[in-house]
N, C-alpha and C. Protein backbone atom coordinates (compact mmCIF):
# COMPACT_ATOMS: atom_id res chain seq x y z
N MET A 1 0.84 -1.17 0.00
CA MET A 1 0.00 0.00 0.00
C MET A 1 0.89 1.24 0.00
N LYS A 2 0.56 2.20 -0.88
CA LYS A 2 1.34 3.42 -0.97
C LYS A 2 0.99 4.37 0.16
N THR A 3 2.00 5.07 0.63
CA THR A 3 1.77 6.11 1.63
C THR A 3 1.42 7.39 0.88
N PRO A 4 0.31 8.02 1.25
CA PRO A 4 -0.06 9.24 0.53
C PRO A 4 0.98 10.33 0.73
N ARG A 5 1.25 11.04 -0.35
CA ARG A 5 2.19 12.16 -0.26
C ARG A 5 1.49 13.34 0.39
N PRO A 6 2.23 14.03 1.23
CA PRO A 6 1.61 15.24 1.81
C PRO A 6 1.40 16.28 0.72
N GLN A 7 0.27 16.95 0.79
CA GLN A 7 -0.01 17.99 -0.19
C GLN A 7 0.81 19.23 0.13
N ALA A 8 1.25 19.88 -0.92
CA ALA A 8 2.00 21.13 -0.74
C ALA A 8 1.07 22.19 -0.16
N GLU A 9 1.61 22.99 0.72
CA GLU A 9 0.81 24.06 1.30
C GLU A 9 0.59 25.15 0.26
N ILE A 10 -0.62 25.66 0.25
CA ILE A 10 -0.98 26.75 -0.65
C ILE A 10 -0.68 28.06 0.06
N SER A 11 -0.06 28.95 -0.67
CA SER A 11 0.16 30.29 -0.13
C SER A 11 -0.14 31.27 -1.25
N ARG A 12 -1.20 32.02 -1.08
CA ARG A 12 -1.62 32.95 -2.13
C ARG A 12 -2.20 34.19 -1.48
N SER A 13 -1.74 35.34 -1.92
CA SER A 13 -2.25 36.61 -1.45
C SER A 13 -3.03 37.26 -2.58
N PHE A 14 -4.24 37.72 -2.29
CA PHE A 14 -5.09 38.35 -3.29
C PHE A 14 -5.13 39.85 -3.05
N GLU A 15 -4.85 40.61 -4.12
CA GLU A 15 -5.07 42.04 -4.03
C GLU A 15 -6.56 42.29 -4.16
N PHE A 16 -7.07 43.18 -3.34
CA PHE A 16 -8.48 43.41 -3.21
C PHE A 16 -8.72 44.90 -3.38
N SER A 17 -9.57 45.29 -4.30
CA SER A 17 -9.90 46.70 -4.49
C SER A 17 -11.37 46.90 -4.20
N PHE A 18 -11.67 47.86 -3.35
CA PHE A 18 -13.03 48.17 -2.97
C PHE A 18 -13.50 49.35 -3.81
N VAL A 19 -14.59 49.20 -4.56
CA VAL A 19 -15.08 50.24 -5.46
C VAL A 19 -16.47 50.67 -4.98
N VAL A 20 -16.62 51.97 -4.68
CA VAL A 20 -17.85 52.47 -4.07
C VAL A 20 -18.47 53.58 -4.91
N PRO A 21 -19.47 53.27 -5.75
CA PRO A 21 -20.21 54.33 -6.43
C PRO A 21 -21.23 54.93 -5.46
N SER A 22 -21.44 56.23 -5.54
CA SER A 22 -22.40 56.86 -4.64
C SER A 22 -23.21 57.93 -5.35
N ALA A 23 -24.26 58.39 -4.67
CA ALA A 23 -25.12 59.44 -5.21
C ALA A 23 -24.45 60.80 -5.05
N PRO A 24 -24.72 61.72 -5.96
CA PRO A 24 -24.12 63.05 -5.83
C PRO A 24 -24.69 63.81 -4.63
N CYS A 25 -23.83 64.65 -4.06
CA CYS A 25 -24.24 65.54 -2.95
C CYS A 25 -25.02 64.80 -1.88
N SER A 26 -24.53 63.66 -1.49
CA SER A 26 -25.26 62.83 -0.54
C SER A 26 -24.38 62.45 0.63
N ILE A 27 -24.96 62.49 1.80
CA ILE A 27 -24.26 62.03 3.00
C ILE A 27 -24.01 60.53 2.92
N ILE A 28 -24.77 59.85 2.05
CA ILE A 28 -24.62 58.40 1.89
C ILE A 28 -23.18 58.03 1.54
N ARG A 29 -22.46 58.93 0.84
CA ARG A 29 -21.08 58.64 0.46
C ARG A 29 -20.22 58.33 1.67
N LEU A 30 -20.62 58.80 2.82
CA LEU A 30 -19.82 58.61 4.02
C LEU A 30 -20.12 57.31 4.75
N ILE A 31 -21.13 56.59 4.31
CA ILE A 31 -21.56 55.38 5.03
C ILE A 31 -20.46 54.31 5.03
N ILE A 32 -19.86 54.05 3.90
CA ILE A 32 -18.84 53.02 3.85
C ILE A 32 -17.49 53.67 4.13
N ARG A 33 -17.12 53.66 5.39
CA ARG A 33 -15.89 54.31 5.83
C ARG A 33 -14.68 53.40 5.60
N ALA A 34 -13.52 54.00 5.55
CA ALA A 34 -12.28 53.25 5.39
C ALA A 34 -12.12 52.21 6.49
N SER A 35 -12.54 52.55 7.71
CA SER A 35 -12.41 51.61 8.82
C SER A 35 -13.29 50.37 8.61
N ALA A 36 -14.45 50.54 8.00
CA ALA A 36 -15.33 49.39 7.71
C ALA A 36 -14.70 48.49 6.66
N ILE A 37 -14.06 49.10 5.67
CA ILE A 37 -13.40 48.31 4.63
C ILE A 37 -12.22 47.55 5.23
N SER A 38 -11.44 48.22 6.06
CA SER A 38 -10.31 47.56 6.75
C SER A 38 -10.80 46.40 7.61
N SER A 39 -11.90 46.62 8.30
CA SER A 39 -12.46 45.57 9.15
C SER A 39 -12.88 44.36 8.32
N GLN A 40 -13.45 44.63 7.14
CA GLN A 40 -13.88 43.52 6.29
C GLN A 40 -12.68 42.70 5.81
N ILE A 41 -11.59 43.38 5.46
CA ILE A 41 -10.37 42.67 5.06
C ILE A 41 -9.87 41.82 6.23
N SER A 42 -9.92 42.36 7.44
CA SER A 42 -9.50 41.59 8.62
C SER A 42 -10.36 40.36 8.82
N VAL A 43 -11.68 40.50 8.60
CA VAL A 43 -12.59 39.36 8.73
C VAL A 43 -12.23 38.29 7.70
N LEU A 44 -11.99 38.70 6.47
CA LEU A 44 -11.60 37.73 5.44
C LEU A 44 -10.32 37.00 5.84
N ASN A 45 -9.32 37.75 6.30
CA ASN A 45 -8.05 37.12 6.68
C ASN A 45 -8.21 36.20 7.88
N THR A 46 -9.07 36.57 8.82
CA THR A 46 -9.34 35.69 9.97
C THR A 46 -10.05 34.42 9.52
N ASP A 47 -11.08 34.60 8.70
CA ASP A 47 -11.86 33.44 8.23
C ASP A 47 -11.04 32.48 7.39
N TYR A 48 -10.05 32.99 6.66
CA TYR A 48 -9.23 32.14 5.79
C TYR A 48 -7.87 31.82 6.40
N SER A 49 -7.66 32.18 7.66
CA SER A 49 -6.38 31.86 8.29
C SER A 49 -6.21 30.35 8.33
N GLY A 50 -5.01 29.91 8.11
CA GLY A 50 -4.74 28.48 8.08
C GLY A 50 -4.94 27.85 6.71
N SER A 51 -5.55 28.60 5.79
CA SER A 51 -5.79 28.06 4.44
C SER A 51 -4.65 28.39 3.49
N GLY A 52 -3.80 29.33 3.89
CA GLY A 52 -2.73 29.79 3.02
C GLY A 52 -3.16 30.96 2.15
N LEU A 53 -4.43 31.35 2.27
CA LEU A 53 -4.94 32.48 1.50
C LEU A 53 -4.97 33.73 2.36
N SER A 54 -4.63 34.86 1.78
CA SER A 54 -4.74 36.12 2.49
C SER A 54 -5.17 37.21 1.53
N PHE A 55 -5.69 38.28 2.09
CA PHE A 55 -6.24 39.38 1.30
C PHE A 55 -5.55 40.67 1.70
N VAL A 56 -5.17 41.46 0.70
CA VAL A 56 -4.48 42.73 0.92
C VAL A 56 -5.28 43.81 0.21
N LEU A 57 -5.63 44.87 0.93
CA LEU A 57 -6.36 45.96 0.31
C LEU A 57 -5.42 46.74 -0.60
N ALA A 58 -5.68 46.69 -1.90
CA ALA A 58 -4.86 47.39 -2.88
C ALA A 58 -5.30 48.85 -3.00
N GLY A 59 -6.54 49.12 -2.65
CA GLY A 59 -7.02 50.49 -2.72
C GLY A 59 -8.52 50.57 -2.66
N THR A 60 -9.00 51.80 -2.51
CA THR A 60 -10.43 52.06 -2.50
C THR A 60 -10.70 53.17 -3.50
N THR A 61 -11.67 52.95 -4.36
CA THR A 61 -12.07 53.95 -5.34
C THR A 61 -13.49 54.39 -5.01
N ARG A 62 -13.67 55.69 -4.90
CA ARG A 62 -15.01 56.25 -4.68
C ARG A 62 -15.34 57.13 -5.88
N THR A 63 -16.54 56.97 -6.40
CA THR A 63 -16.95 57.78 -7.54
C THR A 63 -18.40 58.20 -7.36
N VAL A 64 -18.74 59.36 -7.85
CA VAL A 64 -20.11 59.86 -7.77
C VAL A 64 -20.78 59.70 -9.13
N ASN A 65 -21.87 58.91 -9.15
CA ASN A 65 -22.62 58.69 -10.38
C ASN A 65 -24.03 58.25 -9.98
N ALA A 66 -24.98 59.14 -10.11
CA ALA A 66 -26.36 58.86 -9.68
C ALA A 66 -26.97 57.68 -10.44
N ASP A 67 -26.66 57.56 -11.73
CA ASP A 67 -27.21 56.46 -12.53
C ASP A 67 -26.74 55.12 -11.98
N TRP A 68 -25.45 54.99 -11.74
CA TRP A 68 -24.93 53.74 -11.20
C TRP A 68 -25.47 53.48 -9.80
N PHE A 69 -25.49 54.53 -8.98
CA PHE A 69 -25.96 54.38 -7.60
C PHE A 69 -27.41 53.89 -7.55
N ASN A 70 -28.26 54.44 -8.41
CA ASN A 70 -29.69 54.15 -8.34
C ASN A 70 -30.15 52.98 -9.21
N ASN A 71 -29.40 52.62 -10.25
CA ASN A 71 -29.94 51.68 -11.23
C ASN A 71 -29.16 50.39 -11.44
N VAL A 72 -28.02 50.24 -10.81
CA VAL A 72 -27.23 49.02 -11.04
C VAL A 72 -27.91 47.82 -10.37
N ASP A 73 -28.09 46.78 -11.15
CA ASP A 73 -28.46 45.48 -10.60
C ASP A 73 -27.77 44.41 -11.44
N ASP A 74 -27.98 43.16 -11.12
CA ASP A 74 -27.18 42.10 -11.75
C ASP A 74 -27.47 41.89 -13.24
N THR A 75 -28.50 42.52 -13.78
CA THR A 75 -28.79 42.37 -15.21
C THR A 75 -28.78 43.69 -15.97
N SER A 76 -28.42 44.77 -15.31
CA SER A 76 -28.52 46.09 -15.94
C SER A 76 -27.31 46.41 -16.81
N VAL A 77 -27.56 47.24 -17.82
CA VAL A 77 -26.50 47.76 -18.67
C VAL A 77 -25.56 48.61 -17.81
N GLN A 78 -26.13 49.32 -16.83
CA GLN A 78 -25.33 50.18 -15.96
C GLN A 78 -24.26 49.39 -15.22
N GLN A 79 -24.58 48.15 -14.83
CA GLN A 79 -23.58 47.35 -14.13
C GLN A 79 -22.36 47.10 -15.02
N ASP A 80 -22.60 46.74 -16.26
CA ASP A 80 -21.50 46.51 -17.20
C ASP A 80 -20.69 47.78 -17.42
N GLN A 81 -21.39 48.91 -17.60
CA GLN A 81 -20.71 50.18 -17.81
C GLN A 81 -19.86 50.56 -16.59
N MET A 82 -20.45 50.40 -15.40
CA MET A 82 -19.75 50.75 -14.17
C MET A 82 -18.49 49.91 -13.99
N LYS A 83 -18.63 48.62 -14.15
CA LYS A 83 -17.48 47.74 -13.95
C LYS A 83 -16.39 47.98 -14.99
N SER A 84 -16.80 48.25 -16.21
CA SER A 84 -15.82 48.54 -17.25
C SER A 84 -15.06 49.83 -16.94
N ALA A 85 -15.76 50.83 -16.46
CA ALA A 85 -15.14 52.13 -16.18
C ALA A 85 -14.32 52.13 -14.89
N LEU A 86 -14.73 51.36 -13.90
CA LEU A 86 -14.12 51.47 -12.57
C LEU A 86 -13.16 50.35 -12.19
N HIS A 87 -13.07 49.30 -12.99
CA HIS A 87 -12.21 48.17 -12.63
C HIS A 87 -10.78 48.64 -12.34
N VAL A 88 -10.23 48.14 -11.25
CA VAL A 88 -8.88 48.51 -10.82
C VAL A 88 -7.98 47.28 -10.90
N GLY A 89 -6.77 47.45 -11.40
CA GLY A 89 -5.80 46.36 -11.43
C GLY A 89 -6.01 45.43 -12.62
N GLY A 90 -5.28 44.33 -12.57
CA GLY A 90 -5.34 43.34 -13.64
C GLY A 90 -6.34 42.25 -13.35
N ALA A 91 -6.24 41.18 -14.10
CA ALA A 91 -7.16 40.05 -13.96
C ALA A 91 -7.06 39.39 -12.59
N ALA A 92 -5.93 39.52 -11.92
CA ALA A 92 -5.75 38.87 -10.62
C ALA A 92 -6.22 39.73 -9.45
N THR A 93 -6.65 40.96 -9.73
CA THR A 93 -7.12 41.84 -8.65
C THR A 93 -8.61 41.65 -8.45
N LEU A 94 -9.00 41.27 -7.27
CA LEU A 94 -10.40 41.09 -6.92
C LEU A 94 -11.02 42.46 -6.67
N ASN A 95 -12.04 42.81 -7.44
CA ASN A 95 -12.75 44.07 -7.25
C ASN A 95 -14.09 43.79 -6.61
N LEU A 96 -14.39 44.50 -5.52
CA LEU A 96 -15.68 44.38 -4.87
C LEU A 96 -16.39 45.71 -5.03
N TYR A 97 -17.57 45.67 -5.61
CA TYR A 97 -18.35 46.88 -5.84
C TYR A 97 -19.45 46.94 -4.79
N SER A 98 -19.54 48.06 -4.10
CA SER A 98 -20.56 48.22 -3.07
C SER A 98 -21.14 49.63 -3.16
N VAL A 99 -22.43 49.70 -3.40
CA VAL A 99 -23.07 51.01 -3.48
C VAL A 99 -23.18 51.58 -2.08
N GLY A 100 -22.72 52.80 -1.93
CA GLY A 100 -22.79 53.41 -0.60
C GLY A 100 -22.42 54.85 -0.62
């Protein structure tokens, strides 16, 4: 009987960009604070600790666009336009879009 080989440990860090479209002249823009984004990255790193995966905040982009803020959903043309215009980094950069 063969002895199973130990699997190599995975070690991968993901760059993470937080993209926040918001309404013009709105206090809502302040809802998603930098501290909340940092906390979310910490939660991800805690939840994935021991897996070899980690997340690093590459940046936060905030943009004002009422159309995107009010009309983006998973089937809208606005979603495609927003993601095309706001995507940060290359194919390996995870972009999270959150209206706020």
